[in-house]
N, C-alpha and C. Protein backbone atom coordinates (compact mmCIF):
# COMPACT_ATOMS: atom_id res chain seq x y z
N UNK A 1 126.55 115.62 60.66
CA UNK A 1 127.23 116.86 60.26
C UNK A 1 127.35 116.83 58.73
N UNK A 2 127.12 117.88 58.09
CA UNK A 2 127.28 117.95 56.71
C UNK A 2 128.82 118.09 56.35
N UNK A 3 129.11 117.78 55.17
CA UNK A 3 130.52 117.75 54.72
C UNK A 3 130.97 119.34 54.71
N UNK A 4 130.11 120.13 54.33
CA UNK A 4 130.46 121.56 54.36
C UNK A 4 130.82 122.02 55.81
N UNK A 5 130.04 121.67 56.76
CA UNK A 5 130.26 122.05 58.07
C UNK A 5 131.58 121.36 58.61
N UNK A 6 131.84 120.16 58.23
CA UNK A 6 133.16 119.55 58.60
C UNK A 6 134.28 120.35 57.95
N UNK A 7 134.31 120.68 56.74
CA UNK A 7 135.25 121.41 56.15
C UNK A 7 135.40 122.87 56.74
N UNK A 8 134.33 123.46 57.14
CA UNK A 8 134.36 124.81 57.76
C UNK A 8 135.11 124.65 59.12
N UNK A 9 134.84 123.57 59.89
CA UNK A 9 135.48 123.30 61.11
C UNK A 9 136.98 123.05 60.95
N UNK A 10 137.26 122.25 59.86
CA UNK A 10 138.69 121.99 59.43
C UNK A 10 139.38 123.35 59.16
N UNK A 11 138.73 124.16 58.37
CA UNK A 11 139.35 125.49 58.04
C UNK A 11 139.57 126.25 59.25
N UNK A 12 138.61 126.29 60.15
CA UNK A 12 138.75 127.09 61.44
C UNK A 12 139.98 126.53 62.20
N UNK A 13 140.15 125.30 62.29
CA UNK A 13 141.26 124.65 62.91
C UNK A 13 142.60 125.10 62.35
N UNK A 14 142.58 125.07 61.02
CA UNK A 14 143.82 125.53 60.27
C UNK A 14 144.07 126.97 60.56
N UNK A 15 143.14 127.79 60.65
CA UNK A 15 143.21 129.18 60.93
C UNK A 15 143.82 129.44 62.29
N UNK A 16 143.24 128.83 63.26
CA UNK A 16 143.78 129.04 64.62
C UNK A 16 145.10 128.46 64.92
N UNK A 17 145.57 127.66 64.03
CA UNK A 17 146.96 127.09 64.05
C UNK A 17 147.84 127.81 63.11
N UNK A 18 147.38 128.76 62.36
CA UNK A 18 148.19 129.42 61.36
C UNK A 18 149.15 130.32 62.08
N UNK A 19 150.25 130.60 61.49
CA UNK A 19 151.38 131.54 61.89
C UNK A 19 150.77 132.88 62.25
N UNK A 20 149.85 133.42 61.32
CA UNK A 20 149.28 134.68 61.52
C UNK A 20 148.47 134.86 62.72
N UNK A 21 147.63 133.80 62.94
CA UNK A 21 146.71 133.87 64.07
C UNK A 21 147.47 133.80 65.46
N UNK A 22 148.47 132.83 65.44
CA UNK A 22 149.27 132.63 66.62
C UNK A 22 150.01 133.83 67.00
N UNK A 23 150.60 134.51 65.98
CA UNK A 23 151.33 135.79 66.23
C UNK A 23 150.47 136.90 66.73
N UNK A 24 149.16 136.96 66.19
CA UNK A 24 148.20 137.97 66.60
C UNK A 24 147.78 137.66 68.07
N UNK A 25 147.59 136.41 68.37
CA UNK A 25 147.25 136.05 69.80
C UNK A 25 148.38 136.40 70.79
N UNK A 26 149.53 136.04 70.43
CA UNK A 26 150.69 136.46 71.23
C UNK A 26 150.85 137.99 71.45
N UNK A 27 150.66 138.63 70.39
CA UNK A 27 150.67 140.19 70.35
C UNK A 27 149.56 140.78 71.28
N UNK A 28 148.33 140.19 71.11
CA UNK A 28 147.22 140.66 72.05
C UNK A 28 147.46 140.36 73.55
N UNK A 29 148.07 139.26 73.76
CA UNK A 29 148.33 138.87 75.15
C UNK A 29 149.47 139.93 75.67
N UNK A 30 150.41 140.13 74.91
CA UNK A 30 151.53 141.05 75.29
C UNK A 30 150.91 142.40 75.54
N UNK A 31 150.02 142.86 74.62
CA UNK A 31 149.35 144.18 74.76
C UNK A 31 148.48 144.24 76.05
N UNK A 32 147.78 143.24 76.33
CA UNK A 32 146.89 143.21 77.52
C UNK A 32 147.69 143.19 78.81
N UNK A 33 148.85 142.69 78.73
CA UNK A 33 149.76 142.76 79.96
C UNK A 33 150.51 144.05 80.22
N UNK A 34 150.29 145.02 79.30
CA UNK A 34 150.88 146.36 79.41
C UNK A 34 149.78 147.37 79.69
N UNK A 35 149.70 147.78 81.13
CA UNK A 35 148.63 148.75 81.50
C UNK A 35 148.71 149.99 80.72
N UNK A 36 149.87 150.56 80.45
CA UNK A 36 150.01 151.81 79.71
C UNK A 36 149.45 151.75 78.37
N UNK A 37 149.73 150.59 77.73
CA UNK A 37 149.23 150.43 76.32
C UNK A 37 147.74 150.22 76.31
N UNK A 38 147.18 149.59 77.34
CA UNK A 38 145.76 149.27 77.37
C UNK A 38 145.06 150.67 77.59
N UNK A 39 145.65 151.52 78.41
CA UNK A 39 145.06 152.78 78.87
C UNK A 39 145.01 153.61 77.62
N UNK A 40 146.15 153.63 76.88
CA UNK A 40 146.26 154.48 75.59
C UNK A 40 145.15 153.99 74.70
N UNK A 41 144.97 152.77 74.42
CA UNK A 41 143.92 152.27 73.46
C UNK A 41 142.58 152.59 73.96
N UNK A 42 142.32 152.43 75.24
CA UNK A 42 140.97 152.75 75.82
C UNK A 42 140.73 154.23 75.66
N UNK A 43 141.74 155.11 75.96
CA UNK A 43 141.59 156.55 75.77
C UNK A 43 141.29 156.90 74.27
N UNK A 44 142.05 156.23 73.48
CA UNK A 44 141.81 156.47 71.97
C UNK A 44 140.42 156.11 71.54
N UNK A 45 139.99 154.87 72.01
CA UNK A 45 138.59 154.43 71.64
C UNK A 45 137.56 155.38 72.09
N UNK A 46 137.67 155.81 73.33
CA UNK A 46 136.71 156.86 73.89
C UNK A 46 136.63 158.02 73.05
N UNK A 47 137.83 158.60 72.72
CA UNK A 47 137.84 159.87 71.86
C UNK A 47 137.26 159.55 70.49
N UNK A 48 137.63 158.37 69.94
CA UNK A 48 137.04 158.09 68.70
C UNK A 48 135.52 157.97 68.73
N UNK A 49 135.03 157.49 69.74
CA UNK A 49 133.56 157.41 69.84
C UNK A 49 132.89 158.82 69.96
N UNK A 50 133.61 159.64 70.79
CA UNK A 50 133.17 161.03 70.80
C UNK A 50 133.12 161.68 69.54
N UNK A 51 134.23 161.51 68.82
CA UNK A 51 134.34 162.10 67.43
C UNK A 51 133.38 161.54 66.47
N UNK A 52 132.98 160.31 66.65
CA UNK A 52 131.99 159.71 65.73
C UNK A 52 130.60 160.41 65.98
N UNK A 53 130.37 160.92 67.14
CA UNK A 53 129.12 161.62 67.48
C UNK A 53 129.18 163.13 67.17
N UNK A 54 130.41 163.69 66.92
CA UNK A 54 130.62 165.04 66.59
C UNK A 54 131.71 165.33 65.65
N UNK A 55 131.52 164.91 64.49
CA UNK A 55 132.55 165.01 63.39
C UNK A 55 133.03 166.39 63.01
N UNK A 56 132.33 167.39 63.51
CA UNK A 56 132.74 168.77 63.14
C UNK A 56 133.64 169.34 64.22
N UNK A 57 133.87 168.63 65.24
CA UNK A 57 134.79 169.01 66.39
C UNK A 57 136.32 168.98 65.96
N UNK A 58 136.86 170.01 65.48
CA UNK A 58 138.22 170.04 64.96
C UNK A 58 139.18 169.75 66.14
N UNK A 59 138.90 170.24 67.25
CA UNK A 59 139.78 170.14 68.48
C UNK A 59 139.93 168.64 68.79
N UNK A 60 138.72 167.95 68.63
CA UNK A 60 138.83 166.42 69.01
C UNK A 60 139.51 165.79 67.93
N UNK A 61 139.26 166.14 66.66
CA UNK A 61 140.07 165.61 65.49
C UNK A 61 141.52 165.64 65.72
N UNK A 62 142.00 166.79 66.12
CA UNK A 62 143.37 167.01 66.38
C UNK A 62 143.91 166.21 67.58
N UNK A 63 143.13 166.17 68.54
CA UNK A 63 143.55 165.30 69.73
C UNK A 63 143.55 163.82 69.31
N UNK A 64 142.67 163.33 68.49
CA UNK A 64 142.65 161.93 68.01
C UNK A 64 143.87 161.66 67.24
N UNK A 65 144.26 162.55 66.34
CA UNK A 65 145.39 162.36 65.45
C UNK A 65 146.74 162.29 66.34
N UNK A 66 146.74 163.17 67.42
CA UNK A 66 147.87 163.09 68.24
C UNK A 66 148.00 161.80 69.11
N UNK A 67 146.77 161.38 69.59
CA UNK A 67 146.74 160.16 70.23
C UNK A 67 147.18 158.97 69.43
N UNK A 68 146.67 158.94 68.22
CA UNK A 68 147.03 157.92 67.28
C UNK A 68 148.57 157.81 67.07
N UNK A 69 149.24 159.01 66.81
CA UNK A 69 150.70 158.98 66.67
C UNK A 69 151.33 158.51 67.90
N UNK A 70 150.97 158.94 69.10
CA UNK A 70 151.46 158.39 70.34
C UNK A 70 151.32 156.90 70.46
N UNK A 71 150.14 156.48 70.08
CA UNK A 71 149.79 155.04 70.22
C UNK A 71 150.70 154.08 69.40
N UNK A 72 151.00 154.64 68.14
CA UNK A 72 151.77 153.78 67.24
C UNK A 72 153.22 153.82 67.57
N UNK A 73 153.58 154.66 68.47
CA UNK A 73 155.01 154.76 68.96
C UNK A 73 155.20 153.59 69.96
N UNK A 74 154.12 153.12 70.55
CA UNK A 74 154.21 152.03 71.51
C UNK A 74 154.46 150.69 70.75
N UNK A 75 155.48 150.06 71.05
CA UNK A 75 155.86 148.79 70.26
C UNK A 75 154.73 147.71 70.38
N UNK A 76 154.15 147.54 71.58
CA UNK A 76 153.08 146.42 71.69
C UNK A 76 151.88 146.75 70.89
N UNK A 77 151.52 148.09 70.89
CA UNK A 77 150.26 148.39 70.19
C UNK A 77 150.59 148.33 68.68
N UNK A 78 151.64 148.71 68.27
CA UNK A 78 152.04 148.67 66.85
C UNK A 78 152.12 147.28 66.36
N UNK A 79 152.74 146.40 67.21
CA UNK A 79 152.91 144.94 66.85
C UNK A 79 151.62 144.35 66.78
N UNK A 80 150.64 144.71 67.64
CA UNK A 80 149.33 144.12 67.63
C UNK A 80 148.52 144.52 66.40
N UNK A 81 148.68 145.87 66.08
CA UNK A 81 147.99 146.25 64.84
C UNK A 81 148.52 145.54 63.54
N UNK A 82 149.84 145.43 63.55
CA UNK A 82 150.49 144.73 62.41
C UNK A 82 150.03 143.31 62.27
N UNK A 83 150.04 142.58 63.37
CA UNK A 83 149.67 141.19 63.43
C UNK A 83 148.04 141.00 62.99
N UNK A 84 147.28 142.02 63.41
CA UNK A 84 145.90 142.03 62.99
C UNK A 84 145.70 142.20 61.54
N UNK A 85 146.62 143.07 60.95
CA UNK A 85 146.49 143.33 59.51
C UNK A 85 146.92 142.14 58.74
N UNK A 86 147.99 141.40 59.28
CA UNK A 86 148.50 140.20 58.58
C UNK A 86 147.46 139.15 58.62
N UNK A 87 146.77 138.94 59.73
CA UNK A 87 145.68 137.96 59.80
C UNK A 87 144.49 138.34 58.90
N UNK A 88 144.19 139.59 58.84
CA UNK A 88 143.16 140.17 57.95
C UNK A 88 143.47 139.89 56.52
N UNK A 89 144.69 140.00 56.13
CA UNK A 89 145.08 139.62 54.78
C UNK A 89 144.87 138.12 54.47
N UNK A 90 145.21 137.34 55.43
CA UNK A 90 144.98 135.86 55.28
C UNK A 90 143.49 135.61 55.10
N UNK A 91 142.57 136.28 55.88
CA UNK A 91 141.13 136.13 55.85
C UNK A 91 140.72 136.64 54.42
N UNK A 92 141.18 137.67 53.99
CA UNK A 92 140.78 138.29 52.59
C UNK A 92 141.06 137.32 51.60
N UNK A 93 142.25 136.70 51.56
CA UNK A 93 142.69 135.76 50.57
C UNK A 93 141.81 134.59 50.58
N UNK A 94 141.38 134.14 51.84
CA UNK A 94 140.52 132.89 51.80
C UNK A 94 139.07 133.30 51.27
N UNK A 95 138.67 134.50 51.71
CA UNK A 95 137.34 134.87 51.16
C UNK A 95 137.27 135.14 49.66
N UNK A 96 138.41 135.66 49.17
CA UNK A 96 138.54 135.83 47.66
C UNK A 96 138.53 134.55 47.04
N UNK A 97 139.29 133.56 47.45
CA UNK A 97 139.35 132.19 46.86
C UNK A 97 137.91 131.63 46.81
N UNK A 98 137.31 131.75 47.89
CA UNK A 98 135.86 131.16 48.02
C UNK A 98 135.04 131.88 46.93
N UNK A 99 135.09 133.18 47.00
CA UNK A 99 134.21 133.99 46.05
C UNK A 99 134.60 133.69 44.58
N UNK A 100 135.79 133.45 44.32
CA UNK A 100 136.35 133.10 42.91
C UNK A 100 135.69 131.82 42.51
N UNK A 101 135.62 130.81 43.39
CA UNK A 101 135.07 129.52 43.13
C UNK A 101 133.54 129.68 42.79
N UNK A 102 132.97 130.44 43.64
CA UNK A 102 131.54 130.60 43.52
C UNK A 102 131.05 131.52 42.12
N UNK A 103 131.99 132.39 41.92
CA UNK A 103 131.77 133.24 40.80
C UNK A 103 132.92 133.36 39.87
N UNK A 104 133.30 132.33 39.25
CA UNK A 104 134.58 132.32 38.40
C UNK A 104 134.51 133.40 37.29
N UNK A 105 133.45 133.74 36.79
CA UNK A 105 133.36 134.76 35.77
C UNK A 105 133.48 136.18 36.15
N UNK A 106 133.67 136.37 37.45
CA UNK A 106 133.76 137.71 37.99
C UNK A 106 135.06 138.42 37.58
N UNK A 107 136.03 137.69 37.15
CA UNK A 107 137.28 138.31 36.85
C UNK A 107 138.36 138.17 37.90
N UNK A 108 139.53 138.56 37.51
CA UNK A 108 140.70 138.50 38.44
C UNK A 108 140.78 139.65 39.44
N UNK A 109 141.41 139.39 40.49
CA UNK A 109 141.69 140.43 41.52
C UNK A 109 142.77 141.34 40.96
N UNK A 110 142.94 142.46 41.70
CA UNK A 110 143.81 143.49 41.29
C UNK A 110 145.08 143.34 42.06
N UNK A 111 145.23 142.49 43.08
CA UNK A 111 146.38 142.23 43.85
C UNK A 111 147.26 141.26 43.09
N UNK A 112 148.51 141.20 43.78
CA UNK A 112 149.55 140.28 43.23
C UNK A 112 149.59 139.00 43.98
N UNK A 113 148.39 138.57 44.62
CA UNK A 113 148.43 137.46 45.45
C UNK A 113 148.15 136.12 44.65
N UNK A 114 148.22 136.15 43.39
CA UNK A 114 148.01 134.86 42.63
C UNK A 114 146.64 134.22 42.68
N UNK A 115 145.59 135.06 42.96
CA UNK A 115 144.32 134.67 43.12
C UNK A 115 143.61 134.35 41.87
N UNK A 116 144.25 134.58 40.76
CA UNK A 116 143.63 134.39 39.50
C UNK A 116 144.12 133.18 38.74
N UNK A 117 144.70 132.22 39.56
CA UNK A 117 145.30 131.08 38.91
C UNK A 117 144.32 130.02 38.84
């Protein structure tokens, strides 16, 4: 196995043991155990797919917006989305660091995450 593959596996292990990933996994499990929350998510995804096929349907747009507001009132759904977002930020930071190493002349990022050091 090449050194790069070894380091990629090592990074993968660090990621699945990270606080962000573990919180996301716990939130997903909690969500999956809530039938009402799963039903809400499935209904939203169905309507979202319908809307993707007919973006001019204002009635469907309004229904989607209403479903989204209702969904975000559910603590388990909201928590899951927040933990997904936190893990996504971690992944973005990692990707940015790798990109910065590969392209150091590309300049600094616009965030305050210290990625220009």
